[in-house]
PDB file of N, CA and C in Angstrom:
ATOM      1  N   MET A   1       8.275 -52.400 -48.146  1.00  0.00           N
ATOM      2  CA  MET A   1       8.475 -51.004 -48.432  1.00  0.00           C
ATOM      3  C   MET A   1       7.614 -50.092 -47.571  1.00  0.00           C
ATOM      4  N   VAL A   2       6.390 -50.506 -47.347  1.00  0.00           N
ATOM      5  CA  VAL A   2       5.468 -49.679 -46.571  1.00  0.00           C
ATOM      6  C   VAL A   2       5.972 -49.545 -45.137  1.00  0.00           C
ATOM      7  N   ILE A   3       6.471 -50.619 -44.596  1.00  0.00           N
ATOM      8  CA  ILE A   3       6.972 -50.600 -43.215  1.00  0.00           C
ATOM      9  C   ILE A   3       8.203 -49.693 -43.140  1.00  0.00           C
ATOM     10  N   ARG A   4       9.032 -49.770 -44.153  1.00  0.00           N
ATOM     11  CA  ARG A   4      10.232 -48.955 -44.170  1.00  0.00           C
ATOM     12  C   ARG A   4       9.867 -47.465 -44.211  1.00  0.00           C
ATOM     13  N   ARG A   5       8.881 -47.091 -44.999  1.00  0.00           N
ATOM     14  CA  ARG A   5       8.448 -45.687 -45.057  1.00  0.00           C
ATOM     15  C   ARG A   5       7.861 -45.232 -43.717  1.00  0.00           C
ATOM     16  N   LYS A   6       7.100 -46.067 -43.088  1.00  0.00           N
ATOM     17  CA  LYS A   6       6.521 -45.706 -41.789  1.00  0.00           C
ATOM     18  C   LYS A   6       7.625 -45.483 -40.761  1.00  0.00           C
ATOM     19  N   VAL A   7       8.635 -46.329 -40.786  1.00  0.00           N
ATOM     20  CA  VAL A   7       9.758 -46.180 -39.865  1.00  0.00           C
ATOM     21  C   VAL A   7      10.506 -44.893 -40.173  1.00  0.00           C
ATOM     22  N   GLN A   8      10.717 -44.595 -41.452  1.00  0.00           N
ATOM     23  CA  GLN A   8      11.400 -43.353 -41.818  1.00  0.00           C
ATOM     24  C   GLN A   8      10.595 -42.123 -41.390  1.00  0.00           C
ATOM     25  N   GLN A   9       9.285 -42.159 -41.542  1.00  0.00           N
ATOM     26  CA  GLN A   9       8.441 -41.042 -41.130  1.00  0.00           C
ATOM     27  C   GLN A   9       8.505 -40.856 -39.607  1.00  0.00           C
ATOM     28  N   GLN A  10       8.495 -41.972 -38.895  1.00  0.00           N
ATOM     29  CA  GLN A  10       8.589 -41.874 -37.434  1.00  0.00           C
ATOM     30  C   GLN A  10       9.956 -41.325 -37.011  1.00  0.00           C
ATOM     31  N   LEU A  11      10.995 -41.772 -37.695  1.00  0.00           N
ATOM     32  CA  LEU A  11      12.327 -41.273 -37.368  1.00  0.00           C
ATOM     33  C   LEU A  11      12.453 -39.785 -37.701  1.00  0.00           C
ATOM     34  N   GLN A  12      11.870 -39.372 -38.806  1.00  0.00           N
ATOM     35  CA  GLN A  12      11.906 -37.949 -39.145  1.00  0.00           C
ATOM     36  C   GLN A  12      11.149 -37.128 -38.090  1.00  0.00           C
ATOM     37  N   GLY A  13      10.055 -37.707 -37.593  1.00  0.00           N
ATOM     38  CA  GLY A  13       9.322 -37.027 -36.515  1.00  0.00           C
ATOM     39  C   GLY A  13      10.174 -36.902 -35.259  1.00  0.00           C
ATOM     40  N   VAL A  14      10.945 -37.922 -34.968  1.00  0.00           N
ATOM     41  CA  VAL A  14      11.827 -37.884 -33.803  1.00  0.00           C
ATOM     42  C   VAL A  14      12.942 -36.881 -34.027  1.00  0.00           C
ATOM     43  N   TYR A  15      13.506 -36.833 -35.236  1.00  0.00           N
ATOM     44  CA  TYR A  15      14.582 -35.886 -35.526  1.00  0.00           C
ATOM     45  C   TYR A  15      14.064 -34.441 -35.528  1.00  0.00           C
ATOM     46  N   ASN A  16      12.851 -34.234 -35.933  1.00  0.00           N
ATOM     47  CA  ASN A  16      12.276 -32.897 -35.961  1.00  0.00           C
ATOM     48  C   ASN A  16      11.699 -32.485 -34.600  1.00  0.00           C
ATOM     49  N   PHE A  17      11.603 -33.395 -33.686  1.00  0.00           N
ATOM     50  CA  PHE A  17      11.012 -33.111 -32.372  1.00  0.00           C
ATOM     51  C   PHE A  17      11.727 -31.981 -31.640  1.00  0.00           C
ATOM     52  N   PRO A  18      13.066 -31.975 -31.559  1.00  0.00           N
ATOM     53  CA  PRO A  18      13.721 -30.857 -30.875  1.00  0.00           C
ATOM     54  C   PRO A  18      13.455 -29.520 -31.564  1.00  0.00           C
ATOM     55  N   ASN A  19      13.418 -29.495 -32.882  1.00  0.00           N
ATOM     56  CA  ASN A  19      13.164 -28.259 -33.596  1.00  0.00           C
ATOM     57  C   ASN A  19      11.740 -27.775 -33.307  1.00  0.00           C
ATOM     58  N   GLY A  20      10.796 -28.677 -33.318  1.00  0.00           N
ATOM     59  CA  GLY A  20       9.417 -28.315 -33.012  1.00  0.00           C
ATOM     60  C   GLY A  20       9.267 -27.862 -31.564  1.00  0.00           C
ATOM     61  N   MET A  21       9.943 -28.529 -30.665  1.00  0.00           N
ATOM     62  CA  MET A  21       9.891 -28.129 -29.257  1.00  0.00           C
ATOM     63  C   MET A  21      10.534 -26.756 -29.061  1.00  0.00           C
ATOM     64  N   ARG A  22      11.620 -26.513 -29.776  1.00  0.00           N
ATOM     65  CA  ARG A  22      12.285 -25.226 -29.686  1.00  0.00           C
ATOM     66  C   ARG A  22      11.350 -24.102 -30.137  1.00  0.00           C
ATOM     67  N   LYS A  23      10.654 -24.348 -31.236  1.00  0.00           N
ATOM     68  CA  LYS A  23       9.697 -23.347 -31.722  1.00  0.00           C
ATOM     69  C   LYS A  23       8.566 -23.159 -30.721  1.00  0.00           C
ATOM     70  N   TRP A  24       8.094 -24.251 -30.132  1.00  0.00           N
ATOM     71  CA  TRP A  24       7.008 -24.154 -29.161  1.00  0.00           C
ATOM     72  C   TRP A  24       7.440 -23.374 -27.916  1.00  0.00           C
ATOM     73  N   PHE A  25       8.656 -23.679 -27.411  1.00  0.00           N
ATOM     74  CA  PHE A  25       9.163 -22.956 -26.243  1.00  0.00           C
ATOM     75  C   PHE A  25       9.369 -21.472 -26.555  1.00  0.00           C
ATOM     76  N   LYS A  26       9.874 -21.188 -27.748  1.00  0.00           N
ATOM     77  CA  LYS A  26      10.074 -19.800 -28.153  1.00  0.00           C
ATOM     78  C   LYS A  26       8.732 -19.069 -28.210  1.00  0.00           C
ATOM     79  N   TRP A  27       7.721 -19.712 -28.752  1.00  0.00           N
ATOM     80  CA  TRP A  27       6.384 -19.123 -28.829  1.00  0.00           C
ATOM     81  C   TRP A  27       5.805 -18.920 -27.422  1.00  0.00           C
ATOM     82  N   LYS A  28       5.951 -19.941 -26.576  1.00  0.00           N
ATOM     83  CA  LYS A  28       5.417 -19.864 -25.210  1.00  0.00           C
ATOM     84  C   LYS A  28       6.149 -18.780 -24.417  1.00  0.00           C
ATOM     85  N   TYR A  29       7.463 -18.671 -24.581  1.00  0.00           N
ATOM     86  CA  TYR A  29       8.247 -17.638 -23.907  1.00  0.00           C
ATOM     87  C   TYR A  29       7.797 -16.244 -24.360  1.00  0.00           C
ATOM     88  N   GLY A  30       7.534 -16.092 -25.639  1.00  0.00           N
ATOM     89  CA  GLY A  30       7.025 -14.818 -26.151  1.00  0.00           C
ATOM     90  C   GLY A  30       5.668 -14.478 -25.552  1.00  0.00           C
ATOM     91  N   GLN A  31       4.812 -15.479 -25.396  1.00  0.00           N
ATOM     92  CA  GLN A  31       3.508 -15.248 -24.769  1.00  0.00           C
ATOM     93  C   GLN A  31       3.656 -14.813 -23.316  1.00  0.00           C
ATOM     94  N   ILE A  32       4.567 -15.450 -22.608  1.00  0.00           N
ATOM     95  CA  ILE A  32       4.781 -15.106 -21.198  1.00  0.00           C
ATOM     96  C   ILE A  32       5.311 -13.684 -21.079  1.00  0.00           C
ATOM     97  N   LEU A  33       6.273 -13.325 -21.935  1.00  0.00           N
ATOM     98  CA  LEU A  33       6.804 -11.966 -21.902  1.00  0.00           C
ATOM     99  C   LEU A  33       5.731 -10.930 -22.220  1.00  0.00           C
ATOM    100  N   LEU A  34       4.941 -11.212 -23.221  1.00  0.00           N
ATOM    101  CA  LEU A  34       3.862 -10.303 -23.587  1.00  0.00           C
ATOM    102  C   LEU A  34       2.859 -10.149 -22.446  1.00  0.00           C
ATOM    103  N   THR A  35       2.532 -11.242 -21.788  1.00  0.00           N
ATOM    104  CA  THR A  35       1.594 -11.187 -20.666  1.00  0.00           C
ATOM    105  C   THR A  35       2.168 -10.353 -19.523  1.00  0.00           C
ATOM    106  N   LEU A  36       3.444 -10.580 -19.186  1.00  0.00           N
ATOM    107  CA  LEU A  36       4.066  -9.816 -18.102  1.00  0.00           C
ATOM    108  C   LEU A  36       4.160  -8.334 -18.435  1.00  0.00           C
ATOM    109  N   LYS A  37       4.512  -8.027 -19.684  1.00  0.00           N
ATOM    110  CA  LYS A  37       4.582  -6.621 -20.075  1.00  0.00           C
ATOM    111  C   LYS A  37       3.207  -5.974 -20.041  1.00  0.00           C
ATOM    112  N   ALA A  38       2.179  -6.726 -20.408  1.00  0.00           N
ATOM    113  CA  ALA A  38       0.822  -6.175 -20.381  1.00  0.00           C
ATOM    114  C   ALA A  38       0.346  -5.956 -18.948  1.00  0.00           C
ATOM    115  N   ILE A  39       0.724  -6.851 -18.046  1.00  0.00           N
ATOM    116  CA  ILE A  39       0.275  -6.719 -16.660  1.00  0.00           C
ATOM    117  C   ILE A  39       1.003  -5.583 -15.951  1.00  0.00           C
ATOM    118  N   PHE A  40       2.317  -5.483 -16.148  1.00  0.00           N
ATOM    119  CA  PHE A  40       3.126  -4.529 -15.403  1.00  0.00           C
ATOM    120  C   PHE A  40       3.486  -3.288 -16.203  1.00  0.00           C
ATOM    121  N   TYR A  41       2.767  -2.986 -17.244  1.00  0.00           N
ATOM    122  CA  TYR A  41       3.085  -1.822 -18.060  1.00  0.00           C
ATOM    123  C   TYR A  41       2.801  -0.548 -17.284  1.00  0.00           C
ATOM    124  N   ASN A  42       3.742   0.380 -17.316  1.00  0.00           N
ATOM    125  CA  ASN A  42       3.588   1.655 -16.642  1.00  0.00           C
ATOM    126  C   ASN A  42       4.239   2.712 -17.516  1.00  0.00           C
ATOM    127  N   GLU A  43       3.443   3.653 -17.994  1.00  0.00           N
ATOM    128  CA  GLU A  43       3.965   4.672 -18.891  1.00  0.00           C
ATOM    129  C   GLU A  43       4.882   5.647 -18.176  1.00  0.00           C
ATOM    130  N   PHE A  44       4.725   5.788 -16.868  1.00  0.00           N
ATOM    131  CA  PHE A  44       5.507   6.758 -16.110  1.00  0.00           C
ATOM    132  C   PHE A  44       6.773   6.150 -15.513  1.00  0.00           C
ATOM    133  N   MET A  45       7.104   4.948 -15.884  1.00  0.00           N
ATOM    134  CA  MET A  45       8.289   4.277 -15.340  1.00  0.00           C
ATOM    135  C   MET A  45       9.551   4.900 -15.930  1.00  0.00           C
ATOM    136  N   ASN A  46      10.424   5.380 -15.048  1.00  0.00           N
ATOM    137  CA  ASN A  46      11.725   5.890 -15.476  1.00  0.00           C
ATOM    138  C   ASN A  46      12.745   5.573 -14.390  1.00  0.00           C
ATOM    139  N   SER A  47      13.961   6.040 -14.563  1.00  0.00           N
ATOM    140  CA  SER A  47      15.032   5.661 -13.632  1.00  0.00           C
ATOM    141  C   SER A  47      14.816   6.262 -12.244  1.00  0.00           C
ATOM    142  N   SER A  48      14.275   7.465 -12.150  1.00  0.00           N
ATOM    143  CA  SER A  48      14.071   8.058 -10.828  1.00  0.00           C
ATOM    144  C   SER A  48      12.993   7.304 -10.052  1.00  0.00           C
ATOM    145  N   TYR A  49      11.947   6.892 -10.746  1.00  0.00           N
ATOM    146  CA  TYR A  49      10.900   6.110 -10.082  1.00  0.00           C
ATOM    147  C   TYR A  49      11.449   4.757  -9.632  1.00  0.00           C
ATOM    148  N   ALA A  50      12.250   4.127 -10.488  1.00  0.00           N
ATOM    149  CA  ALA A  50      12.831   2.830 -10.131  1.00  0.00           C
ATOM    150  C   ALA A  50      13.769   2.963  -8.930  1.00  0.00           C
ATOM    151  N   SER A  51      14.572   4.033  -8.897  1.00  0.00           N
ATOM    152  CA  SER A  51      15.481   4.212  -7.755  1.00  0.00           C
ATOM    153  C   SER A  51      14.695   4.496  -6.475  1.00  0.00           C
ATOM    154  N   GLU A  52      13.576   5.198  -6.585  1.00  0.00           N
ATOM    155  CA  GLU A  52      12.737   5.436  -5.409  1.00  0.00           C
ATOM    156  C   GLU A  52      12.147   4.130  -4.878  1.00  0.00           C
ATOM    157  N   VAL A  53      11.739   3.267  -5.787  1.00  0.00           N
ATOM    158  CA  VAL A  53      11.184   1.977  -5.367  1.00  0.00           C
ATOM    159  C   VAL A  53      12.263   1.122  -4.706  1.00  0.00           C
ATOM    160  N   VAL A  54      13.475   1.178  -5.234  1.00  0.00           N
ATOM    161  CA  VAL A  54      14.571   0.377  -4.667  1.00  0.00           C
ATOM    162  C   VAL A  54      14.978   0.905  -3.292  1.00  0.00           C
ATOM    163  N   MET A  55      14.915   2.237  -3.091  1.00  0.00           N
ATOM    164  CA  MET A  55      15.340   2.811  -1.819  1.00  0.00           C
ATOM    165  C   MET A  55      14.241   2.822  -0.761  1.00  0.00           C
ATOM    166  N   GLU A  56      13.056   2.396  -1.095  1.00  0.00           N
ATOM    167  CA  GLU A  56      11.934   2.411  -0.143  1.00  0.00           C
ATOM    168  C   GLU A  56      12.224   1.610   1.131  1.00  0.00           C
ATOM    169  N   PRO A  57      12.824   0.421   1.077  1.00  0.00           N
ATOM    170  CA  PRO A  57      13.131  -0.293   2.336  1.00  0.00           C
ATOM    171  C   PRO A  57      14.101   0.477   3.232  1.00  0.00           C
ATOM    172  N   MET A  58      15.077   1.168   2.633  1.00  0.00           N
ATOM    173  CA  MET A  58      16.024   1.946   3.423  1.00  0.00           C
ATOM    174  C   MET A  58      15.309   3.106   4.115  1.00  0.00           C
ATOM    175  N   VAL A  59      14.403   3.763   3.424  1.00  0.00           N
ATOM    176  CA  VAL A  59      13.634   4.858   4.009  1.00  0.00           C
ATOM    177  C   VAL A  59      12.761   4.328   5.150  1.00  0.00           C
ATOM    178  N   TRP A  60      12.198   3.139   4.962  1.00  0.00           N
ATOM    179  CA  TRP A  60      11.363   2.536   6.002  1.00  0.00           C
ATOM    180  C   TRP A  60      12.183   2.278   7.262  1.00  0.00           C
ATOM    181  N   VAL A  61      13.396   1.740   7.111  1.00  0.00           N
ATOM    182  CA  VAL A  61      14.256   1.445   8.268  1.00  0.00           C
ATOM    183  C   VAL A  61      14.622   2.735   8.994  1.00  0.00           C
ATOM    184  N   VAL A  62      15.010   3.778   8.242  1.00  0.00           N
ATOM    185  CA  VAL A  62      15.390   5.052   8.863  1.00  0.00           C
ATOM    186  C   VAL A  62      14.196   5.667   9.585  1.00  0.00           C
ATOM    187  N   ASP A  63      13.017   5.591   8.977  1.00  0.00           N
ATOM    188  CA  ASP A  63      11.817   6.150   9.587  1.00  0.00           C
ATOM    189  C   ASP A  63      11.494   5.459  10.911  1.00  0.00           C
ATOM    190  N   HIS A  64      11.534   4.145  10.916  1.00  0.00           N
ATOM    191  CA  HIS A  64      11.217   3.414  12.147  1.00  0.00           C
ATOM    192  C   HIS A  64      12.325   3.553  13.196  1.00  0.00           C
ATOM    193  N   PHE A  65      13.571   3.670  12.752  1.00  0.00           N
ATOM    194  CA  PHE A  65      14.676   3.872  13.694  1.00  0.00           C
ATOM    195  C   PHE A  65      14.551   5.233  14.361  1.00  0.00           C
ATOM    196  N   SER A  66      14.246   6.265  13.581  1.00  0.00           N
ATOM    197  CA  SER A  66      14.112   7.597  14.168  1.00  0.00           C
ATOM    198  C   SER A  66      12.886   7.672  15.073  1.00  0.00           C
ATOM    199  N   LYS A  67      11.851   6.900  14.747  1.00  0.00           N
ATOM    200  CA  LYS A  67      10.673   6.866  15.617  1.00  0.00           C
ATOM    201  C   LYS A  67      11.034   6.278  16.984  1.00  0.00           C
ATOM    202  N   ALA A  68      11.889   5.268  17.009  1.00  0.00           N
ATOM    203  CA  ALA A  68      12.313   4.664  18.269  1.00  0.00           C
ATOM    204  C   ALA A  68      13.386   5.499  18.957  1.00  0.00           C
ATOM    205  N   LEU A  69      14.115   6.304  18.183  1.00  0.00           N
ATOM    206  CA  LEU A  69      15.212   7.078  18.753  1.00  0.00           C
ATOM    207  C   LEU A  69      14.713   8.268  19.568  1.00  0.00           C
ATOM    208  N   GLY A  70      13.521   8.793  19.268  1.00  0.00           N
ATOM    209  CA  GLY A  70      12.981   9.943  19.992  1.00  0.00           C
ATOM    210  C   GLY A  70      12.829   9.688  21.478  1.00  0.00           C
ATOM    211  N   PRO A  71      12.071   8.669  21.873  1.00  0.00           N
ATOM    212  CA  PRO A  71      11.940   8.392  23.317  1.00  0.00           C
ATOM    213  C   PRO A  71      13.275   8.052  23.986  1.00  0.00           C
ATOM    214  N   VAL A  72      14.151   7.373  23.267  1.00  0.00           N
ATOM    215  CA  VAL A  72      15.462   7.038  23.837  1.00  0.00           C
ATOM    216  C   VAL A  72      16.253   8.316  24.091  1.00  0.00           C
ATOM    217  N   SER A  73      16.176   9.284  23.189  1.00  0.00           N
ATOM    218  CA  SER A  73      16.886  10.552  23.375  1.00  0.00           C
ATOM    219  C   SER A  73      16.321  11.328  24.562  1.00  0.00           C
ATOM    220  N   ILE A  74      15.016  11.289  24.735  1.00  0.00           N
ATOM    221  CA  ILE A  74      14.404  11.994  25.869  1.00  0.00           C
ATOM    222  C   ILE A  74      14.848  11.367  27.191  1.00  0.00           C
ATOM    223  N   VAL A  75      14.866  10.034  27.249  1.00  0.00           N
ATOM    224  CA  VAL A  75      15.323   9.350  28.462  1.00  0.00           C
ATOM    225  C   VAL A  75      16.801   9.654  28.712  1.00  0.00           C
ATOM    226  N   ASN A  76      17.598   9.688  27.647  1.00  0.00           N
ATOM    227  CA  ASN A  76      19.022   9.984  27.790  1.00  0.00           C
ATOM    228  C   ASN A  76      19.232  11.404  28.314  1.00  0.00           C
ATOM    229  N   ALA A  77      18.509  12.385  27.768  1.00  0.00           N
ATOM    230  CA  ALA A  77      18.647  13.768  28.242  1.00  0.00           C
ATOM    231  C   ALA A  77      18.183  13.890  29.688  1.00  0.00           C
ATOM    232  N   ASN A  78      17.126  13.182  30.025  1.00  0.00           N
ATOM    233  CA  ASN A  78      16.621  13.208  31.399  1.00  0.00           C
ATOM    234  C   ASN A  78      17.660  12.629  32.368  1.00  0.00           C
ATOM    235  N   CYS A  79      18.256  11.515  32.001  1.00  0.00           N
ATOM    236  CA  CYS A  79      19.295  10.899  32.851  1.00  0.00           C
ATOM    237  C   CYS A  79      20.507  11.822  32.981  1.00  0.00           C
ATOM    238  N   TYR A  80      20.858  12.493  31.901  1.00  0.00           N
ATOM    239  CA  TYR A  80      21.999  13.410  31.942  1.00  0.00           C
ATOM    240  C   TYR A  80      21.723  14.564  32.904  1.00  0.00           C
ATOM    241  N   CYS A  81      20.538  15.158  32.801  1.00  0.00           N
ATOM    242  CA  CYS A  81      20.194  16.277  33.698  1.00  0.00           C
ATOM    243  C   CYS A  81      20.173  15.826  35.151  1.00  0.00           C
ATOM    244  N   HIS A  82      19.600  14.670  35.406  1.00  0.00           N
ATOM    245  CA  HIS A  82      19.547  14.176  36.782  1.00  0.00           C
ATOM    246  C   HIS A  82      20.943  13.837  37.311  1.00  0.00           C
ATOM    247  N   SER A  83      21.812  13.320  36.449  1.00  0.00           N
ATOM    248  CA  SER A  83      23.167  13.012  36.926  1.00  0.00           C
ATOM    249  C   SER A  83      23.939  14.291  37.240  1.00  0.00           C
ATOM    250  N   VAL A  84      23.734  15.351  36.464  1.00  0.00           N
ATOM    251  CA  VAL A  84      24.395  16.624  36.770  1.00  0.00           C
ATOM    252  C   VAL A  84      23.885  17.176  38.097  1.00  0.00           C
ATOM    253  N   LEU A  85      22.584  17.132  38.289  1.00  0.00           N
ATOM    254  CA  LEU A  85      22.036  17.613  39.562  1.00  0.00           C
ATOM    255  C   LEU A  85      22.513  16.765  40.739  1.00  0.00           C
ATOM    256  N   LEU A  86      22.573  15.459  40.542  1.00  0.00           N
ATOM    257  CA  LEU A  86      23.038  14.580  41.611  1.00  0.00           C
ATOM    258  C   LEU A  86      24.496  14.857  41.955  1.00  0.00           C
ATOM    259  N   LEU A  87      25.333  14.994  40.936  1.00  0.00           N
ATOM    260  CA  LEU A  87      26.754  15.267  41.203  1.00  0.00           C
ATOM    261  C   LEU A  87      26.946  16.617  41.859  1.00  0.00           C
ATOM    262  N   SER A  88      26.195  17.605  41.433  1.00  0.00           N
ATOM    263  CA  SER A  88      26.353  18.931  42.059  1.00  0.00           C
ATOM    264  C   SER A  88      25.865  18.906  43.506  1.00  0.00           C
ATOM    265  N   SER A  89      24.777  18.178  43.760  1.00  0.00           N
ATOM    266  CA  SER A  89      24.297  18.132  45.147  1.00  0.00           C
ATOM    267  C   SER A  89      25.255  17.335  46.027  1.00  0.00           C
ATOM    268  N   VAL A  90      25.843  16.264  45.491  1.00  0.00           N
ATOM    269  CA  VAL A  90      26.809  15.486  46.270  1.00  0.00           C
ATOM    270  C   VAL A  90      28.045  16.327  46.558  1.00  0.00           C
ATOM    271  N   HIS A  91      28.483  17.064  45.568  1.00  0.00           N
ATOM    272  CA  HIS A  91      29.662  17.918  45.764  1.00  0.00           C
ATOM    273  C   HIS A  91      29.370  19.019  46.778  1.00  0.00           C
ATOM    274  N   CYS A  92      28.206  19.645  46.657  1.00  0.00           N
ATOM    275  CA  CYS A  92      27.876  20.736  47.572  1.00  0.00           C
ATOM    276  C   CYS A  92      27.644  20.227  48.987  1.00  0.00           C
ATOM    277  N   HIS A  93      27.024  19.060  49.114  1.00  0.00           N
ATOM    278  CA  HIS A  93      26.802  18.524  50.463  1.00  0.00           C
ATOM    279  C   HIS A  93      28.109  18.129  51.125  1.00  0.00           C
ATOM    280  N   SER A  94      29.028  17.630  50.358  1.00  0.00           N
ATOM    281  CA  SER A  94      30.306  17.262  50.972  1.00  0.00           C
ATOM    282  C   SER A  94      31.151  18.505  51.252  1.00  0.00           C
ATOM    283  N   HIS A  95      30.961  19.538  50.443  1.00  0.00           N
ATOM    284  CA  HIS A  95      31.783  20.740  50.592  1.00  0.00           C
ATOM    285  C   HIS A  95      31.216  21.706  51.632  1.00  0.00           C
ATOM    286  N   CYS A  96      29.892  21.824  51.688  1.00  0.00           N
ATOM    287  CA  CYS A  96      29.285  22.858  52.541  1.00  0.00           C
ATOM    288  C   CYS A  96      28.605  22.282  53.774  1.00  0.00           C
ATOM    289  N   ASN A  97      28.785  21.042  54.047  1.00  0.00           N
ATOM    290  CA  ASN A  97      28.215  20.415  55.239  1.00  0.00           C
ATOM    291  C   ASN A  97      26.700  20.548  55.301  1.00  0.00           C
ATOM    292  N   TYR A  98      26.029  20.156  54.242  1.00  0.00           N
ATOM    293  CA  TYR A  98      24.569  20.095  54.182  1.00  0.00           C
ATOM    294  C   TYR A  98      23.888  21.443  54.415  1.00  0.00           C
ATOM    295  N   ASP A  99      24.472  22.457  53.918  1.00  0.00           N
ATOM    296  CA  ASP A  99      23.843  23.772  53.998  1.00  0.00           C
ATOM    297  C   ASP A  99      22.818  23.884  52.872  1.00  0.00           C
ATOM    298  N   TYR A 100      21.608  24.359  53.212  1.00  0.00           N
ATOM    299  CA  TYR A 100      20.555  24.438  52.200  1.00  0.00           C
ATOM    300  C   TYR A 100      20.814  25.533  51.168  1.00  0.00           C
ATOM    301  N   HIS A 101      21.602  26.492  51.499  1.00  0.00           N
ATOM    302  CA  HIS A 101      21.915  27.570  50.563  1.00  0.00           C
ATOM    303  C   HIS A 101      23.204  27.279  49.805  1.00  0.00           C
ATOM    304  N   CYS A 102      23.572  26.052  49.777  1.00  0.00           N
ATOM    305  CA  CYS A 102      24.858  25.672  49.207  1.00  0.00           C
ATOM    306  C   CYS A 102      24.917  25.884  47.701  1.00  0.00           C
ATOM    307  N   LEU A 103      23.843  25.601  46.985  1.00  0.00           N
ATOM    308  CA  LEU A 103      23.893  25.719  45.536  1.00  0.00           C
ATOM    309  C   LEU A 103      24.248  27.132  45.099  1.00  0.00           C
ATOM    310  N   TYR A 104      23.831  28.105  45.872  1.00  0.00           N
ATOM    311  CA  TYR A 104      24.168  29.481  45.532  1.00  0.00           C
ATOM    312  C   TYR A 104      25.673  29.703  45.619  1.00  0.00           C
ATOM    313  N   HIS A 105      26.319  29.064  46.574  1.00  0.00           N
ATOM    314  CA  HIS A 105      27.754  29.244  46.742  1.00  0.00           C
ATOM    315  C   HIS A 105      28.567  28.366  45.798  1.00  0.00           C
ATOM    316  N   CYS A 106      28.006  27.242  45.378  1.00  0.00           N
ATOM    317  CA  CYS A 106      28.776  26.309  44.528  1.00  0.00           C
ATOM    318  C   CYS A 106      28.713  26.688  43.048  1.00  0.00           C
ATOM    319  N   ILE A 107      27.740  27.504  42.682  1.00  0.00           N
ATOM    320  CA  ILE A 107      27.683  27.906  41.272  1.00  0.00           C
ATOM    321  C   ILE A 107      28.754  28.942  41.025  1.00  0.00           C
ATOM    322  N   PRO A 108      29.594  28.704  40.012  1.00  0.00           N
ATOM    323  CA  PRO A 108      30.675  29.669  39.763  1.00  0.00           C
ATOM    324  C   PRO A 108      30.091  31.003  39.301  1.00  0.00           C
ATOM    325  N   ARG A 109      30.654  32.070  39.834  1.00  0.00           N
ATOM    326  CA  ARG A 109      30.208  33.405  39.453  1.00  0.00           C
ATOM    327  C   ARG A 109      31.231  34.036  38.528  1.00  0.00           C
ATOM    328  N   ARG A 110      30.738  34.989  37.772  1.00  0.00           N
ATOM    329  CA  ARG A 110      31.675  35.733  36.910  1.00  0.00           C
ATOM    330  C   ARG A 110      32.477  36.723  37.770  1.00  0.00           C
ATOM    331  N   MET A 111      33.682  36.839  37.398  1.00  0.00           N
ATOM    332  CA  MET A 111      34.516  37.792  38.105  1.00  0.00           C
ATOM    333  C   MET A 111      34.241  39.191  37.512  1.00  0.00           C
ATOM    334  N   PRO A 112      34.092  40.196  38.347  1.00  0.00           N
ATOM    335  CA  PRO A 112      33.830  41.556  37.819  1.00  0.00           C
ATOM    336  C   PRO A 112      35.030  42.179  37.167  1.00  0.00           C
TER     337      PRO A 112
END
């Protein structure tokens, strides 16, 4: 009889093991949640702050892109101005036979 009771007690312990583990995991999960909430608690947290935090990488990309775009725009404008001057000088030299006063004649004037 004694052996039978010991076996029954051990079996009951095995049958109750999942229930006990479930309670332990639930307790441990609650502790983890409480710890995370305590660490990351912020009274000023709202939807606008959260959206600002989410959009921060996009703002960073735009900021760095515009920083790189400035020098590129200056080089582009410089190349454009030089190409206009080059084309006008090539046109005037071919049209006026290398006359130094050619630019004055090649610039269109307003009709009176």
